[in-house]
Protein backbone atom coordinates (compact mmCIF):
# COMPACT_ATOMS: atom_id res chain seq x y z
CA MET A 1 -11.06 -115.25 28.80
CA SER A 2 -10.61 -117.55 26.05
CA ASP A 3 -11.78 -116.43 22.55
CA ASN A 4 -14.44 -118.75 21.27
CA THR A 5 -15.15 -116.79 17.86
CA MET A 6 -15.17 -119.52 14.78
CA SER A 7 -13.68 -118.61 11.60
CA LYS A 8 -15.51 -118.16 8.61
CA GLU A 9 -14.52 -121.73 7.46
CA GLU A 10 -15.27 -123.14 10.83
CA TYR A 11 -18.74 -121.41 10.94
CA LEU A 12 -19.87 -122.55 7.76
CA ASN A 13 -19.03 -125.94 8.09
CA LYS A 14 -20.67 -125.80 11.68
CA VAL A 15 -23.93 -125.00 10.18
CA LYS A 16 -24.99 -128.54 8.91
CA ASP A 17 -23.85 -130.14 12.11
CA LEU A 18 -26.24 -127.76 14.25
CA ASP A 19 -29.42 -129.13 11.93
CA GLN A 20 -31.15 -131.29 14.11
CA THR A 21 -33.40 -132.50 11.13
CA THR A 22 -33.51 -136.19 10.62
CA GLU A 23 -36.14 -136.61 7.76
CA ALA A 24 -35.09 -136.45 4.17
CA PRO A 25 -36.21 -133.64 1.83
CA LYS A 26 -39.97 -134.02 1.04
CA GLU A 27 -40.76 -135.29 -2.41
CA LEU A 28 -43.70 -132.94 -3.51
CA GLU A 29 -46.75 -134.31 -4.99
CA ASP A 30 -48.19 -130.84 -5.29
CA THR A 31 -45.92 -128.40 -7.07
CA ASP A 32 -48.08 -125.25 -6.74
CA PHE A 33 -46.27 -122.22 -6.04
CA PHE A 34 -46.87 -121.82 -2.29
CA THR A 35 -46.30 -125.35 -1.49
CA VAL A 36 -42.84 -125.10 -3.35
CA ALA A 37 -42.41 -121.77 -1.70
CA LYS A 38 -42.99 -123.41 1.76
CA GLU A 39 -41.14 -126.69 1.33
CA ARG A 40 -37.92 -125.05 -0.25
CA ARG A 41 -35.15 -125.16 2.46
CA SER A 42 -31.32 -124.47 2.29
CA VAL A 43 -29.95 -128.10 1.99
CA ARG A 44 -26.25 -128.69 2.87
CA GLN A 45 -26.05 -132.57 2.64
CA TYR A 46 -26.55 -134.21 -0.66
CA ASP A 47 -26.53 -137.57 -2.20
CA ALA A 48 -22.99 -137.50 -3.46
CA ASP A 49 -23.64 -140.35 -6.00
CA TYR A 50 -26.75 -138.86 -7.85
CA ILE A 51 -26.04 -137.41 -11.03
CA MET A 52 -28.50 -134.90 -12.88
CA GLU A 53 -28.71 -134.97 -16.45
CA ASP A 54 -27.67 -131.86 -18.45
CA SER A 55 -31.21 -131.57 -19.69
CA GLU A 56 -32.72 -131.40 -16.23
CA ILE A 57 -30.16 -128.65 -15.36
CA ARG A 58 -31.18 -126.80 -18.47
CA GLU A 59 -34.98 -127.04 -17.73
CA ILE A 60 -34.20 -125.43 -14.13
CA LEU A 61 -32.23 -122.56 -15.69
CA GLU A 62 -34.88 -122.17 -18.61
CA ALA A 63 -37.45 -121.49 -15.85
CA ALA A 64 -35.09 -119.31 -13.69
CA ILE A 65 -34.21 -116.96 -16.60
CA LEU A 66 -38.09 -116.18 -16.69
CA ALA A 67 -37.33 -113.82 -13.97
CA PRO A 68 -37.78 -110.18 -14.59
CA SER A 69 -34.99 -107.79 -15.00
CA SER A 70 -34.29 -104.19 -15.12
CA SER A 71 -35.51 -103.11 -18.68
CA ASN A 72 -35.49 -106.86 -19.72
CA LEU A 73 -31.54 -106.60 -19.89
CA GLN A 74 -31.28 -110.19 -18.39
CA PRO A 75 -27.73 -109.71 -17.08
CA TRP A 76 -27.66 -112.97 -15.35
CA ARG A 77 -24.84 -115.26 -16.48
CA PHE A 78 -24.33 -118.81 -15.31
CA LEU A 79 -21.12 -120.94 -14.95
CA VAL A 80 -22.34 -124.83 -14.06
CA ILE A 81 -19.60 -126.58 -12.22
CA LYS A 82 -20.39 -130.22 -12.65
CA ASP A 83 -16.79 -131.82 -13.23
CA GLN A 84 -15.59 -133.37 -9.95
CA GLU A 85 -12.17 -131.84 -10.41
CA ALA A 86 -13.52 -128.63 -10.92
CA LYS A 87 -15.61 -128.84 -7.88
CA LYS A 88 -12.47 -130.03 -5.80
CA GLU A 89 -10.85 -126.70 -7.25
CA LEU A 90 -13.54 -124.65 -5.84
CA LEU A 91 -13.99 -126.60 -2.61
CA PRO A 92 -11.12 -124.43 -0.64
CA ILE A 93 -12.35 -121.29 -2.54
CA ALA A 94 -15.53 -122.01 -0.94
CA ASN A 95 -14.35 -122.47 2.75
CA ASN A 96 -14.17 -126.40 2.02
CA GLN A 97 -18.17 -126.55 2.63
CA GLN A 98 -19.03 -129.98 2.03
CA GLN A 99 -21.88 -129.40 -0.51
CA ILE A 100 -19.61 -128.06 -3.01
CA THR A 101 -18.42 -131.62 -3.79
CA ASP A 102 -21.38 -133.64 -2.77
CA ALA A 103 -23.98 -131.64 -4.70
CA SER A 104 -24.61 -132.87 -8.13
CA VAL A 105 -23.84 -129.37 -9.45
CA VAL A 106 -22.66 -126.09 -8.49
CA VAL A 107 -24.35 -122.90 -10.30
CA ALA A 108 -22.39 -119.63 -10.20
CA VAL A 109 -24.59 -116.90 -10.74
CA LEU A 110 -22.81 -113.76 -12.23
CA ALA A 111 -24.08 -110.54 -13.26
CA ASP A 112 -22.74 -108.71 -16.34
CA VAL A 113 -22.40 -104.77 -15.83
CA ASP A 114 -22.32 -104.48 -19.54
CA ALA A 115 -25.70 -106.19 -20.37
CA TYR A 116 -27.05 -103.09 -21.65
CA LYS A 117 -24.90 -103.46 -24.75
CA ASN A 118 -27.21 -106.35 -25.72
CA ALA A 119 -30.24 -103.92 -25.70
CA GLY A 120 -30.33 -104.11 -29.68
CA GLU A 121 -30.64 -108.14 -30.07
CA ILE A 122 -32.97 -108.11 -27.11
CA TYR A 123 -35.55 -105.68 -28.66
CA GLY A 124 -34.96 -106.79 -32.00
CA GLY A 125 -36.37 -110.10 -30.90
CA LEU A 126 -39.84 -108.25 -29.96
CA VAL A 127 -39.70 -106.80 -33.38
CA LYS A 128 -39.38 -110.42 -34.98
CA MET A 129 -42.19 -111.44 -32.85
CA GLY A 130 -44.32 -108.67 -34.10
CA ARG A 131 -44.53 -107.12 -30.50
CA MET A 132 -42.84 -103.69 -31.00
CA THR A 133 -42.04 -101.66 -34.13
CA GLU A 134 -38.59 -101.14 -35.46
CA GLU A 135 -39.14 -97.46 -34.94
CA ILE A 136 -40.08 -97.75 -31.28
CA LYS A 137 -37.30 -100.54 -30.83
CA ASP A 138 -34.83 -98.02 -32.08
CA SER A 139 -36.00 -95.43 -29.62
CA TYR A 140 -35.81 -97.81 -26.73
CA VAL A 141 -32.30 -99.06 -27.60
CA ALA A 142 -30.96 -95.46 -27.83
CA SER A 143 -32.69 -94.44 -24.61
CA ILE A 144 -31.06 -97.80 -22.82
CA MET A 145 -27.63 -97.09 -24.21
CA LYS A 146 -27.57 -93.64 -23.17
CA THR A 147 -29.10 -94.23 -19.60
CA TYR A 148 -27.31 -97.38 -18.51
CA GLY A 149 -24.04 -96.45 -20.18
CA GLY A 150 -24.00 -93.28 -18.22
CA PHE A 151 -24.40 -95.39 -14.90
CA SER A 152 -21.55 -95.14 -12.39
CA ASP A 153 -19.72 -98.32 -11.60
CA GLU A 154 -21.58 -98.38 -8.14
CA ARG A 155 -25.09 -98.01 -9.80
CA ALA A 156 -24.34 -100.62 -12.67
CA LEU A 157 -22.96 -103.22 -10.24
CA LYS A 158 -26.17 -102.75 -7.93
CA THR A 159 -28.81 -102.76 -10.66
CA ALA A 160 -26.91 -106.09 -12.06
CA MET A 161 -26.77 -107.66 -8.48
CA ILE A 162 -30.71 -107.03 -7.90
CA ASP A 163 -31.51 -109.01 -11.09
CA GLY A 164 -28.96 -111.72 -10.33
CA GLY A 165 -30.76 -112.22 -6.87
CA LEU A 166 -34.04 -112.45 -8.64
CA VAL A 167 -33.01 -115.08 -11.17
CA SER A 168 -31.28 -117.05 -8.18
CA MET A 169 -34.63 -117.23 -6.23
CA GLN A 170 -36.21 -118.31 -9.18
CA LEU A 171 -33.79 -120.97 -9.95
CA MET A 172 -34.06 -122.44 -6.49
CA LEU A 173 -37.94 -122.54 -6.51
CA ALA A 174 -37.69 -124.25 -9.91
CA ALA A 175 -35.43 -126.90 -8.71
CA LYS A 176 -37.71 -127.66 -5.82
CA ALA A 177 -40.52 -127.99 -8.10
CA LYS A 178 -38.73 -130.48 -10.29
CA GLY A 179 -37.53 -132.50 -6.86
CA TYR A 180 -34.16 -130.96 -6.26
CA ASP A 181 -32.56 -129.09 -3.49
CA THR A 182 -30.35 -126.23 -3.34
CA VAL A 183 -28.60 -123.85 -0.76
CA PRO A 184 -27.24 -120.32 -1.73
CA MET A 185 -23.87 -119.57 -0.73
CA GLY A 186 -21.99 -116.11 -0.24
CA GLY A 187 -19.13 -117.69 1.60
CA TYR A 188 -16.34 -117.74 -0.81
CA ASP A 189 -13.30 -115.85 -1.90
CA GLU A 190 -14.62 -113.92 -5.04
CA GLY A 191 -11.07 -112.93 -6.07
CA GLN A 192 -9.90 -116.40 -5.93
CA PHE A 193 -13.11 -117.54 -7.74
CA ILE A 194 -12.70 -115.22 -10.43
CA GLU A 195 -9.01 -115.85 -10.99
CA ALA A 196 -9.32 -120.00 -10.73
CA PHE A 197 -12.30 -120.05 -13.21
CA ASN A 198 -11.28 -117.42 -15.91
CA VAL A 199 -14.33 -115.20 -15.13
CA PRO A 200 -14.63 -112.15 -17.38
CA GLU A 201 -14.12 -108.88 -15.95
CA ASN A 202 -17.57 -107.64 -16.61
CA PHE A 203 -19.24 -110.55 -15.00
CA LYS A 204 -19.57 -109.92 -11.31
CA PRO A 205 -20.23 -113.03 -8.83
CA VAL A 206 -23.56 -112.94 -7.14
CA MET A 207 -23.76 -116.28 -5.40
CA LEU A 208 -23.09 -119.83 -5.62
CA ILE A 209 -25.85 -122.37 -5.64
CA SER A 210 -25.41 -125.85 -4.72
CA LEU A 211 -28.04 -128.14 -6.81
CA GLY A 212 -28.67 -131.77 -6.40
CA LYS A 213 -30.74 -134.53 -4.49
CA GLY A 214 -30.66 -133.64 -0.70
CA LYS A 215 -30.01 -136.29 2.00
CA LYS A 216 -31.24 -134.08 4.80
CA ALA A 217 -33.94 -131.81 4.68
CA GLY A 218 -32.10 -128.64 6.27
CA PHE A 219 -33.46 -126.33 8.96
CA GLU A 220 -37.01 -126.08 9.23
CA LYS A 221 -38.06 -122.40 8.31
CA ASN A 222 -37.99 -120.02 11.38
CA ARG A 223 -39.19 -116.61 10.21
CA LEU A 224 -39.83 -113.50 12.02
CA PRO A 225 -43.65 -112.71 12.04
CA LEU A 226 -44.81 -110.80 9.46
CA ASP A 227 -46.02 -107.83 11.36
CA ASP A 228 -42.33 -107.32 12.54
CA VAL A 229 -41.39 -106.63 9.17
CA LEU A 230 -44.46 -105.21 7.43
CA ASN A 231 -45.46 -101.53 7.35
CA TRP A 232 -48.42 -99.94 5.35
CA ASN A 233 -47.82 -96.63 3.44
CA ARG A 234 -45.06 -95.24 5.33
CA PHE A 235 -42.70 -95.96 8.38
């Protein structure tokens, strides 16, 4: 019996070929939340000639970082890979997925497991805003340093990765609201990525997100019925 199993690289590159969609991504006239959530798709084919301005990328990221995080520690960190040579270096690390080079940028979302060390700066900002007294700030910060500083490596990573997922989803929705398309990617070699892009030891990769102007809309959403995934009160 022949082995028809595809390698990871073959599978990841086959996905876009399986997509029977022919239309381009929809330009949204109505950007209310539910329309954006409905129309966002995972887009793998991009206009390789389209250049996003840095100001547009920053605007999307500014919206993304409004996401919630554990104790407001905001552990997300972004590496925006825009230079074509850098994208070519990333390409084989990410299983030669074409969107790596064709999208305007690739955003690497990272999670800082030492983010709790910024608690003083974060809560000090609330004091300056008049939202917290110095005394309460000092109490909060001391509690955070003790609690998060005592986390096991596993728990620290889990907490930071959850927050990384929250900011990633907000980034993709913000991009769609601004007329851009995205696809989240986990199909890459984390070790090679860390080495190639000099990622600090305390920054842990969450995902890569291609961001740009889509040429093909991507798979139409196909979701399990809500009642298949919903329970009330207890299982």
